[in-house]
Amino acid sequence: MVHETGTTSRASRKREAKQAQILEIAERLIAEEGIEAFSLHAVARELDVVTGTLYRYFPNKDALVAALHRRAIADLHERFGAHAARLSAALERVELRPKERVLTELCAASRFYLELPEQLPNRFRFVWLMLGDPRSLIRPEDVPKSAVPLLAFLGDVRALFERATQLGALSDGNALDRTLVFWSAQQGVVQLQKLQRYEAKLFDYRRLGAQLARPLLVGWGASQTALERAEQVLDQINLTSS
C-alpha cells in the first residue's frame, strides 16, 4: 500500500511538472505571438512532441488558456502577499502613525502593480491581454474557477481600504468600489507602456501611475501630508515586487 501511495505521488508530481512546463511555454508564445496565433500545435513543437500528447494534460486550447489565466492571477496574488509581508517588516523600523501606515500600504500596492510589466513581462502581458481584449477569451464554464484567484487578490486590497476607513485615513465609502476604481485606474495607466518607445519620458506609466493614485486617495479623504510621508517612506525602503 505504501508503495502504491509513493508511486501515485511521484506520478502526480511528474504530471504537475509537465503541466507547469506546458503553461510556461504557452505563456511565452502568447506574449510573443498573440492569442490569435497561439495553438496547441505550437506548444507541441516547442516541446518536440506530437500534439496529441498535450491532450493528456489539457483537453483543448480553451482549457489551457483558462489554466494560464488562473495561474497568472494566483501568482500575482501570491507575490502581492509576499510584497506586503516584506513591507510590513520594513515598516516596523519606521515611526509612522496608524493613518500614515495604512496609506503607505495603499501607495505600496499601487507601486507593486506598476512594477509588474518590468518584473514579470510575460505574465503581466498575459493578464493585460485577458483584461484588455474586448472578446471573451475564457469559456463561460471556466469563469467561476478563474474568478476565485482574482477575487482573492482584490480582497487583499479591499482589506486595506476597509482598514484605512476604520482608522480615519479615508472618509466613509464603499471599499470594494474603491478597490475596483484604484486597480482599474492603474491598469489603464499601464497601457501606456506600449507608447514608451515613441517618447519614454512622456509615457512613463510608473510616474503617471503615482500621480493618478495620489488624487484618487485625496478624493477619498486622504491627507496630502500623510501621503507625502508615505511616498517618502517608500522611497527610502525601496521595495520591489520581485
C-alpha atoms as a PDB file:
ATOM      1  CA  MET A   1       0.000   0.000   0.000  1.00  0.00           C
ATOM      2  CA  VAL A   2       2.857   2.350   0.867  1.00  0.00           C
ATOM      3  CA  HIS A   3       4.485   1.510  -2.436  1.00  0.00           C
ATOM      4  CA  GLU A   4       1.301   2.410  -4.350  1.00  0.00           C
ATOM      5  CA  THR A   5       0.987   5.715  -2.498  1.00  0.00           C
ATOM      6  CA  GLY A   6       4.594   6.601  -3.275  1.00  0.00           C
ATOM      7  CA  THR A   7       4.155   5.670  -6.920  1.00  0.00           C
ATOM      8  CA  THR A   8       0.968   7.724  -7.166  1.00  0.00           C
ATOM      9  CA  SER A   9       2.694  10.683  -5.519  1.00  0.00           C
ATOM     10  CA  ARG A  10       5.620  10.543  -7.946  1.00  0.00           C
ATOM     11  CA  ALA A  11       3.268  10.274 -10.896  1.00  0.00           C
ATOM     12  CA  SER A  12       1.281  13.247  -9.618  1.00  0.00           C
ATOM     13  CA  ARG A  13       4.423  15.361  -9.203  1.00  0.00           C
ATOM     14  CA  LYS A  14       5.596  14.384 -12.667  1.00  0.00           C
ATOM     15  CA  ARG A  15       2.241  15.348 -14.152  1.00  0.00           C
ATOM     16  CA  GLU A  16       2.225  18.693 -12.329  1.00  0.00           C
ATOM     17  CA  ALA A  17       5.768  19.419 -13.529  1.00  0.00           C
ATOM     18  CA  LYS A  18       4.787  18.699 -17.126  1.00  0.00           C
ATOM     19  CA  GLN A  19       1.680  20.889 -16.826  1.00  0.00           C
ATOM     20  CA  ALA A  20       3.834  23.706 -15.456  1.00  0.00           C
ATOM     21  CA  GLN A  21       6.256  23.315 -18.364  1.00  0.00           C
ATOM     22  CA  ILE A  22       3.397  23.458 -20.861  1.00  0.00           C
ATOM     23  CA  LEU A  23       1.989  26.573 -19.184  1.00  0.00           C
ATOM     24  CA  GLU A  24       5.376  28.326 -19.219  1.00  0.00           C
ATOM     25  CA  ILE A  25       5.786  27.701 -22.939  1.00  0.00           C
ATOM     26  CA  ALA A  26       2.195  28.695 -23.694  1.00  0.00           C
ATOM     27  CA  GLU A  27       2.542  31.929 -21.740  1.00  0.00           C
ATOM     28  CA  ARG A  28       5.707  32.859 -23.625  1.00  0.00           C
ATOM     29  CA  LEU A  29       4.201  32.040 -27.025  1.00  0.00           C
ATOM     30  CA  ILE A  30       1.098  34.126 -26.334  1.00  0.00           C
ATOM     31  CA  ALA A  31       3.258  37.037 -25.157  1.00  0.00           C
ATOM     32  CA  GLU A  32       5.421  36.814 -28.277  1.00  0.00           C
ATOM     33  CA  GLU A  33       2.858  35.999 -30.964  1.00  0.00           C
ATOM     34  CA  GLY A  34      -0.568  36.916 -29.584  1.00  0.00           C
ATOM     35  CA  ILE A  35      -3.585  34.819 -28.754  1.00  0.00           C
ATOM     36  CA  GLU A  36      -4.705  34.500 -32.393  1.00  0.00           C
ATOM     37  CA  ALA A  37      -1.501  32.763 -33.483  1.00  0.00           C
ATOM     38  CA  PHE A  38      -1.363  30.563 -30.409  1.00  0.00           C
ATOM     39  CA  SER A  39      -2.143  26.870 -30.812  1.00  0.00           C
ATOM     40  CA  LEU A  40      -1.532  23.558 -29.100  1.00  0.00           C
ATOM     41  CA  HIS A  41       0.480  22.577 -32.153  1.00  0.00           C
ATOM     42  CA  ALA A  42       2.901  25.447 -31.469  1.00  0.00           C
ATOM     43  CA  VAL A  43       3.338  24.290 -27.870  1.00  0.00           C
ATOM     44  CA  ALA A  44       3.897  20.712 -29.011  1.00  0.00           C
ATOM     45  CA  ARG A  45       6.527  21.894 -31.487  1.00  0.00           C
ATOM     46  CA  GLU A  46       8.397  23.679 -28.683  1.00  0.00           C
ATOM     47  CA  LEU A  47       8.279  20.517 -26.565  1.00  0.00           C
ATOM     48  CA  ASP A  48       9.220  18.330 -29.538  1.00  0.00           C
ATOM     49  CA  VAL A  49       6.211  16.064 -29.013  1.00  0.00           C
ATOM     50  CA  VAL A  50       3.112  15.281 -31.050  1.00  0.00           C
ATOM     51  CA  THR A  51       0.091  17.493 -30.398  1.00  0.00           C
ATOM     52  CA  GLY A  52      -1.904  14.553 -29.083  1.00  0.00           C
ATOM     53  CA  THR A  53       0.457  14.323 -26.110  1.00  0.00           C
ATOM     54  CA  LEU A  54      -0.849  17.646 -24.794  1.00  0.00           C
ATOM     55  CA  TYR A  55      -4.402  16.323 -24.581  1.00  0.00           C
ATOM     56  CA  ARG A  56      -3.304  14.206 -21.628  1.00  0.00           C
ATOM     57  CA  TYR A  57      -2.925  17.462 -19.700  1.00  0.00           C
ATOM     58  CA  PHE A  58      -5.371  19.903 -21.304  1.00  0.00           C
ATOM     59  CA  PRO A  59      -8.410  18.814 -23.354  1.00  0.00           C
ATOM     60  CA  ASN A  60      -8.230  21.805 -25.707  1.00  0.00           C
ATOM     61  CA  LYS A  61      -6.757  25.261 -26.270  1.00  0.00           C
ATOM     62  CA  ASP A  62      -9.518  26.990 -24.283  1.00  0.00           C
ATOM     63  CA  ALA A  63      -8.788  24.868 -21.226  1.00  0.00           C
ATOM     64  CA  LEU A  64      -5.093  25.712 -21.480  1.00  0.00           C
ATOM     65  CA  VAL A  65      -5.807  29.448 -21.751  1.00  0.00           C
ATOM     66  CA  ALA A  66      -8.147  29.268 -18.746  1.00  0.00           C
ATOM     67  CA  ALA A  67      -5.475  27.450 -16.723  1.00  0.00           C
ATOM     68  CA  LEU A  68      -2.963  30.116 -17.720  1.00  0.00           C
ATOM     69  CA  HIS A  69      -5.317  32.838 -16.554  1.00  0.00           C
ATOM     70  CA  ARG A  70      -5.863  31.197 -13.169  1.00  0.00           C
ATOM     71  CA  ARG A  71      -2.143  30.655 -12.705  1.00  0.00           C
ATOM     72  CA  ALA A  72      -1.247  34.223 -13.657  1.00  0.00           C
ATOM     73  CA  ILE A  73      -3.711  35.814 -11.224  1.00  0.00           C
ATOM     74  CA  ALA A  74      -2.844  33.350  -8.443  1.00  0.00           C
ATOM     75  CA  ASP A  75       0.840  34.116  -8.920  1.00  0.00           C
ATOM     76  CA  LEU A  76       0.245  37.874  -8.755  1.00  0.00           C
ATOM     77  CA  HIS A  77      -1.785  37.351  -5.589  1.00  0.00           C
ATOM     78  CA  GLU A  78       0.985  35.279  -4.024  1.00  0.00           C
ATOM     79  CA  ARG A  79       3.608  37.858  -4.966  1.00  0.00           C
ATOM     80  CA  PHE A  80       1.455  40.648  -3.595  1.00  0.00           C
ATOM     81  CA  GLY A  81       1.219  38.787  -0.295  1.00  0.00           C
ATOM     82  CA  ALA A  82       4.994  38.345  -0.156  1.00  0.00           C
ATOM     83  CA  HIS A  83       5.479  42.011  -1.038  1.00  0.00           C
ATOM     84  CA  ALA A  84       3.060  43.050   1.715  1.00  0.00           C
ATOM     85  CA  ALA A  85       4.942  40.886   4.223  1.00  0.00           C
ATOM     86  CA  ARG A  86       8.270  42.494   3.320  1.00  0.00           C
ATOM     87  CA  LEU A  87       6.678  45.918   3.532  1.00  0.00           C
ATOM     88  CA  SER A  88       5.212  45.159   6.943  1.00  0.00           C
ATOM     89  CA  ALA A  89       8.609  44.058   8.240  1.00  0.00           C
ATOM     90  CA  ALA A  90      10.270  47.185   6.852  1.00  0.00           C
ATOM     91  CA  LEU A  91       7.631  49.492   8.331  1.00  0.00           C
ATOM     92  CA  GLU A  92       8.260  48.084  11.802  1.00  0.00           C
ATOM     93  CA  ARG A  93      11.516  50.036  11.713  1.00  0.00           C
ATOM     94  CA  VAL A  94       9.829  53.297  10.688  1.00  0.00           C
ATOM     95  CA  GLU A  95       7.956  55.643  13.003  1.00  0.00           C
ATOM     96  CA  LEU A  96       4.511  56.080  11.479  1.00  0.00           C
ATOM     97  CA  ARG A  97       1.101  56.883  12.851  1.00  0.00           C
ATOM     98  CA  PRO A  98      -1.598  54.285  12.037  1.00  0.00           C
ATOM     99  CA  LYS A  99      -3.183  56.545   9.388  1.00  0.00           C
ATOM    100  CA  GLU A 100       0.180  57.114   7.711  1.00  0.00           C
ATOM    101  CA  ARG A 101       0.985  53.431   7.774  1.00  0.00           C
ATOM    102  CA  VAL A 102      -2.176  52.263   6.043  1.00  0.00           C
ATOM    103  CA  LEU A 103      -1.778  54.971   3.388  1.00  0.00           C
ATOM    104  CA  THR A 104       1.805  53.808   2.904  1.00  0.00           C
ATOM    105  CA  GLU A 105       0.483  50.298   2.323  1.00  0.00           C
ATOM    106  CA  LEU A 106      -2.015  51.567  -0.260  1.00  0.00           C
ATOM    107  CA  CYS A 107       0.673  53.550  -2.087  1.00  0.00           C
ATOM    108  CA  ALA A 108       2.888  50.462  -1.997  1.00  0.00           C
ATOM    109  CA  ALA A 109       0.083  48.398  -3.552  1.00  0.00           C
ATOM    110  CA  SER A 110      -0.035  50.886  -6.412  1.00  0.00           C
ATOM    111  CA  ARG A 111       3.725  50.735  -6.896  1.00  0.00           C
ATOM    112  CA  PHE A 112       3.648  46.938  -6.795  1.00  0.00           C
ATOM    113  CA  TYR A 113       1.214  46.804  -9.704  1.00  0.00           C
ATOM    114  CA  LEU A 114       3.082  49.433 -11.706  1.00  0.00           C
ATOM    115  CA  GLU A 115       6.341  47.472 -11.400  1.00  0.00           C
ATOM    116  CA  LEU A 116       4.885  44.234 -12.756  1.00  0.00           C
ATOM    117  CA  PRO A 117       5.361  44.924 -16.503  1.00  0.00           C
ATOM    118  CA  GLU A 118       9.127  45.000 -15.980  1.00  0.00           C
ATOM    119  CA  GLN A 119       9.336  42.460 -13.162  1.00  0.00           C
ATOM    120  CA  LEU A 120       7.186  39.812 -14.893  1.00  0.00           C
ATOM    121  CA  PRO A 121       6.829  40.852 -18.549  1.00  0.00           C
ATOM    122  CA  ASN A 122       5.320  37.658 -19.978  1.00  0.00           C
ATOM    123  CA  ARG A 123       2.958  37.035 -17.089  1.00  0.00           C
ATOM    124  CA  PHE A 124       1.764  40.602 -16.925  1.00  0.00           C
ATOM    125  CA  ARG A 125       1.371  40.781 -20.706  1.00  0.00           C
ATOM    126  CA  PHE A 126      -0.925  37.784 -20.492  1.00  0.00           C
ATOM    127  CA  VAL A 127      -3.011  39.382 -17.718  1.00  0.00           C
ATOM    128  CA  TRP A 128      -3.039  42.571 -19.778  1.00  0.00           C
ATOM    129  CA  LEU A 129      -4.341  40.635 -22.782  1.00  0.00           C
ATOM    130  CA  MET A 130      -7.072  38.900 -20.797  1.00  0.00           C
ATOM    131  CA  LEU A 131      -8.268  42.188 -19.300  1.00  0.00           C
ATOM    132  CA  GLY A 132      -7.860  44.417 -22.343  1.00  0.00           C
ATOM    133  CA  ASP A 133      -9.217  42.253 -25.145  1.00  0.00           C
ATOM    134  CA  PRO A 134     -12.922  43.029 -25.694  1.00  0.00           C
ATOM    135  CA  ARG A 135     -13.555  39.417 -26.630  1.00  0.00           C
ATOM    136  CA  SER A 136     -14.370  36.801 -24.029  1.00  0.00           C
ATOM    137  CA  LEU A 137     -11.264  34.605 -24.048  1.00  0.00           C
ATOM    138  CA  ILE A 138     -12.459  32.252 -21.323  1.00  0.00           C
ATOM    139  CA  ARG A 139     -15.383  29.886 -21.769  1.00  0.00           C
ATOM    140  CA  PRO A 140     -18.387  30.578 -19.506  1.00  0.00           C
ATOM    141  CA  GLU A 141     -17.919  27.271 -17.702  1.00  0.00           C
ATOM    142  CA  ASP A 142     -14.338  28.259 -16.762  1.00  0.00           C
ATOM    143  CA  VAL A 143     -15.232  31.714 -15.416  1.00  0.00           C
ATOM    144  CA  PRO A 144     -16.158  30.647 -11.832  1.00  0.00           C
ATOM    145  CA  LYS A 145     -12.799  28.905 -11.326  1.00  0.00           C
ATOM    146  CA  SER A 146     -10.916  31.862 -12.813  1.00  0.00           C
ATOM    147  CA  ALA A 147     -12.801  34.307 -10.598  1.00  0.00           C
ATOM    148  CA  VAL A 148     -11.512  32.716  -7.381  1.00  0.00           C
ATOM    149  CA  PRO A 149      -7.868  33.923  -7.569  1.00  0.00           C
ATOM    150  CA  LEU A 150      -8.918  37.314  -8.950  1.00  0.00           C
ATOM    151  CA  LEU A 151     -11.343  37.972  -6.102  1.00  0.00           C
ATOM    152  CA  ALA A 152      -8.738  36.808  -3.582  1.00  0.00           C
ATOM    153  CA  PHE A 153      -6.200  39.270  -4.997  1.00  0.00           C
ATOM    154  CA  LEU A 154      -8.687  42.137  -4.973  1.00  0.00           C
ATOM    155  CA  GLY A 155      -9.820  41.090  -1.499  1.00  0.00           C
ATOM    156  CA  ASP A 156      -6.410  41.914  -0.054  1.00  0.00           C
ATOM    157  CA  VAL A 157      -6.562  45.430  -1.490  1.00  0.00           C
ATOM    158  CA  ARG A 158     -10.135  45.800  -0.309  1.00  0.00           C
ATOM    159  CA  ALA A 159      -8.987  44.962   3.228  1.00  0.00           C
ATOM    160  CA  LEU A 160      -6.534  47.865   3.036  1.00  0.00           C
ATOM    161  CA  PHE A 161      -9.305  50.267   2.035  1.00  0.00           C
ATOM    162  CA  GLU A 162     -11.531  48.980   4.826  1.00  0.00           C
ATOM    163  CA  ARG A 163      -8.768  49.464   7.390  1.00  0.00           C
ATOM    164  CA  ALA A 164      -7.971  52.935   6.036  1.00  0.00           C
ATOM    165  CA  THR A 165     -11.613  53.927   6.514  1.00  0.00           C
ATOM    166  CA  GLN A 166     -11.778  52.434  10.006  1.00  0.00           C
ATOM    167  CA  LEU A 167      -8.653  54.359  11.045  1.00  0.00           C
ATOM    168  CA  GLY A 168      -9.976  57.608   9.586  1.00  0.00           C
ATOM    169  CA  ALA A 169      -7.230  57.803   6.953  1.00  0.00           C
ATOM    170  CA  LEU A 170     -10.015  57.839   4.343  1.00  0.00           C
ATOM    171  CA  SER A 171     -13.580  59.084   4.519  1.00  0.00           C
ATOM    172  CA  ASP A 172     -16.501  56.660   4.614  1.00  0.00           C
ATOM    173  CA  GLY A 173     -17.098  54.898   1.325  1.00  0.00           C
ATOM    174  CA  ASN A 174     -17.574  51.549  -0.378  1.00  0.00           C
ATOM    175  CA  ALA A 175     -14.257  49.708  -0.032  1.00  0.00           C
ATOM    176  CA  LEU A 176     -14.952  47.322  -2.918  1.00  0.00           C
ATOM    177  CA  ASP A 177     -15.864  50.141  -5.304  1.00  0.00           C
ATOM    178  CA  ARG A 178     -12.700  51.990  -4.325  1.00  0.00           C
ATOM    179  CA  THR A 179     -10.647  48.851  -4.851  1.00  0.00           C
ATOM    180  CA  LEU A 180     -12.006  48.361  -8.359  1.00  0.00           C
ATOM    181  CA  VAL A 181     -11.511  52.019  -9.305  1.00  0.00           C
ATOM    182  CA  PHE A 182      -7.981  52.041  -7.864  1.00  0.00           C
ATOM    183  CA  TRP A 183      -6.976  48.821  -9.610  1.00  0.00           C
ATOM    184  CA  SER A 184      -8.594  49.578 -12.969  1.00  0.00           C
ATOM    185  CA  ALA A 185      -7.033  53.055 -12.976  1.00  0.00           C
ATOM    186  CA  GLN A 186      -3.569  51.531 -12.514  1.00  0.00           C
ATOM    187  CA  GLN A 187      -4.318  49.009 -15.244  1.00  0.00           C
ATOM    188  CA  GLY A 188      -5.309  51.826 -17.584  1.00  0.00           C
ATOM    189  CA  VAL A 189      -2.102  53.755 -16.968  1.00  0.00           C
ATOM    190  CA  VAL A 190      -0.009  50.646 -17.583  1.00  0.00           C
ATOM    191  CA  GLN A 191      -1.406  50.540 -21.132  1.00  0.00           C
ATOM    192  CA  LEU A 192       0.884  53.499 -21.855  1.00  0.00           C
ATOM    193  CA  GLN A 193       3.851  51.144 -21.694  1.00  0.00           C
ATOM    194  CA  LYS A 194       3.347  50.396 -25.389  1.00  0.00           C
ATOM    195  CA  LEU A 195       3.824  54.087 -26.202  1.00  0.00           C
ATOM    196  CA  GLN A 196       7.131  54.483 -24.370  1.00  0.00           C
ATOM    197  CA  ARG A 197       9.062  53.578 -27.498  1.00  0.00           C
ATOM    198  CA  TYR A 198       7.817  56.833 -29.039  1.00  0.00           C
ATOM    199  CA  GLU A 199       8.591  59.096 -26.076  1.00  0.00           C
ATOM    200  CA  ALA A 200       9.849  57.317 -22.956  1.00  0.00           C
ATOM    201  CA  LYS A 201       9.656  60.268 -20.577  1.00  0.00           C
ATOM    202  CA  LEU A 202       6.226  61.432 -21.711  1.00  0.00           C
ATOM    203  CA  PHE A 203       4.654  57.976 -21.455  1.00  0.00           C
ATOM    204  CA  ASP A 204       6.386  56.917 -18.222  1.00  0.00           C
ATOM    205  CA  TYR A 205       3.499  54.877 -16.832  1.00  0.00           C
ATOM    206  CA  ARG A 206       5.072  54.469 -13.393  1.00  0.00           C
ATOM    207  CA  ARG A 207       5.403  58.213 -12.943  1.00  0.00           C
ATOM    208  CA  LEU A 208       1.877  58.782 -14.212  1.00  0.00           C
ATOM    209  CA  GLY A 209       0.523  55.934 -12.100  1.00  0.00           C
ATOM    210  CA  ALA A 210       1.891  57.573  -8.962  1.00  0.00           C
ATOM    211  CA  GLN A 211       0.248  60.838  -9.977  1.00  0.00           C
ATOM    212  CA  LEU A 212      -3.021  59.001 -10.523  1.00  0.00           C
ATOM    213  CA  ALA A 213      -3.022  57.176  -7.177  1.00  0.00           C
ATOM    214  CA  ARG A 214      -2.447  60.342  -5.169  1.00  0.00           C
ATOM    215  CA  PRO A 215      -5.515  62.352  -6.296  1.00  0.00           C
ATOM    216  CA  LEU A 216      -7.717  59.265  -6.021  1.00  0.00           C
ATOM    217  CA  LEU A 217      -6.722  58.804  -2.391  1.00  0.00           C
ATOM    218  CA  VAL A 218      -7.062  62.530  -1.679  1.00  0.00           C
ATOM    219  CA  GLY A 219     -10.513  62.468  -3.242  1.00  0.00           C
ATOM    220  CA  TRP A 220     -11.433  59.701  -0.831  1.00  0.00           C
ATOM    221  CA  GLY A 221     -10.316  61.780   2.136  1.00  0.00           C
ATOM    222  CA  ALA A 222      -6.583  61.113   2.497  1.00  0.00           C
ATOM    223  CA  SER A 223      -4.361  63.854   3.891  1.00  0.00           C
ATOM    224  CA  GLN A 224      -1.849  65.304   1.424  1.00  0.00           C
ATOM    225  CA  THR A 225       0.713  65.500   4.208  1.00  0.00           C
ATOM    226  CA  ALA A 226       0.210  61.853   5.159  1.00  0.00           C
ATOM    227  CA  LEU A 227       0.525  60.797   1.511  1.00  0.00           C
ATOM    228  CA  GLU A 228       3.746  62.754   1.104  1.00  0.00           C
ATOM    229  CA  ARG A 229       5.104  60.998   4.173  1.00  0.00           C
ATOM    230  CA  ALA A 230       4.028  57.640   2.729  1.00  0.00           C
ATOM    231  CA  GLU A 231       5.842  58.329  -0.545  1.00  0.00           C
ATOM    232  CA  GLN A 232       8.990  59.403   1.316  1.00  0.00           C
ATOM    233  CA  VAL A 233       8.988  56.205   3.352  1.00  0.00           C
ATOM    234  CA  LEU A 234       8.540  54.031   0.254  1.00  0.00           C
ATOM    235  CA  ASP A 235      11.386  55.830  -1.499  1.00  0.00           C
ATOM    236  CA  GLN A 236      13.618  55.159   1.495  1.00  0.00           C
ATOM    237  CA  ILE A 237      12.879  51.457   1.919  1.00  0.00           C
ATOM    238  CA  ASN A 238      12.797  50.869  -1.859  1.00  0.00           C
ATOM    239  CA  LEU A 239      10.824  47.635  -2.044  1.00  0.00           C
ATOM    240  CA  THR A 240      10.292  45.885  -5.360  1.00  0.00           C
ATOM    241  CA  SER A 241       7.680  43.333  -6.432  1.00  0.00           C
ATOM    242  CA  SER A 242      10.230  40.600  -7.101  1.00  0.00           C
END
